[in-house]
């Protein structure tokens, strides 16, 4: 196996209301499997990379099906820890439309990964041949034990020379395991212990504000328009707070409605102090993708993270502008795919990068 991208985090059952029905309207739910870090591993494998996913799951048939969902896509699941305690986490989704936003209900308390101590994982085996570790801010939000395991994973990866990335992914509904602190206070205190071991930070503006207290001037993400000139300063503030960080990627979503978003991103390199933006128009000015009929936006950020990691670890895609172009195109395509996983191929992503955006039938 070539050098491996490892991701560590929770994978869950996703129970979604069909179409655009609200949860209280339906007695039928569509069952798939999902999780931020699992989605990254799946997507990297689908692009042709080597991915290994690590989590803890109970010993029963539903957890078997959960593992099957990513192993069938080529992800290495040998180091998934099976436990006698804990449960399979769940989340329930109703997909928004027009001015009604999507809504997520979490049912993840006492899941296997939330109650499993860090020392139960085979870290030496997990990082054998590893080039990269990807984490998110979602798993440490689950419990103190999950936060400790996330920290140790980052430390172990750094010790073997692997690059460490983290998507800040603030989830206010989850940060509840230290009641005296608000979700933002707990997220900031916890994530600041992990970030000193991170090389690449991935976030959106809200994440930077909620987790690090950094904001892009007076930009309002809910107003449907972004002032992109402010984002290099956000990235510089991240790098100033954490000098170990070498790259900061900030996704730029203009949410005009639940089904109409503009989508792009910025990648900042600390060594050159230079940002790049994608996508670009013919004059090389930032011009976001207009996604006017979103099928499913859940997992869009994970598709971006996977695209960025895959590109940065693939020699002919690793130049900053090219890597960002790839990541943004990969995520754009994910918005057309039902479920959390991005089933887009490398050829399809590169076709969009090259300007093939008409959606014409490929014969």
Foldseek 3Di string as FASTA:
>chain_A
DAQEEEEEAAKAWEWEDPDQDDPVVDPHTDIDMDDLRLQLQLLLLQQPGAYEYEAEAEPDDVVVVNVCRRVVSPYHDPQHHYDPFAHGWYKYWRAHDFAGHIDIDTDHARHGRQPDALVVGPLVVSCVSHQEYEYELPQCLAHVRSLVNLQVNLVSCVVVPHAYEYEDPQDQVRNPHPPVDHSLRSLQVSVLSRLLSHAEYEYAQVSCCSRPVDHQPPADLQVQDGDVVSVLVSFVVVCVSHVNYFKYKYKRWRDPHSAWIWTWIWMAGPVVSDIAIDDADPVRHHDTDIGRGFPDLAQLSSQLVSQLVSQCPDVVQNDVNSSRLLSRLRSSQQRNDPDNHRNDYSVNSVCVSVPPDPPDDDD
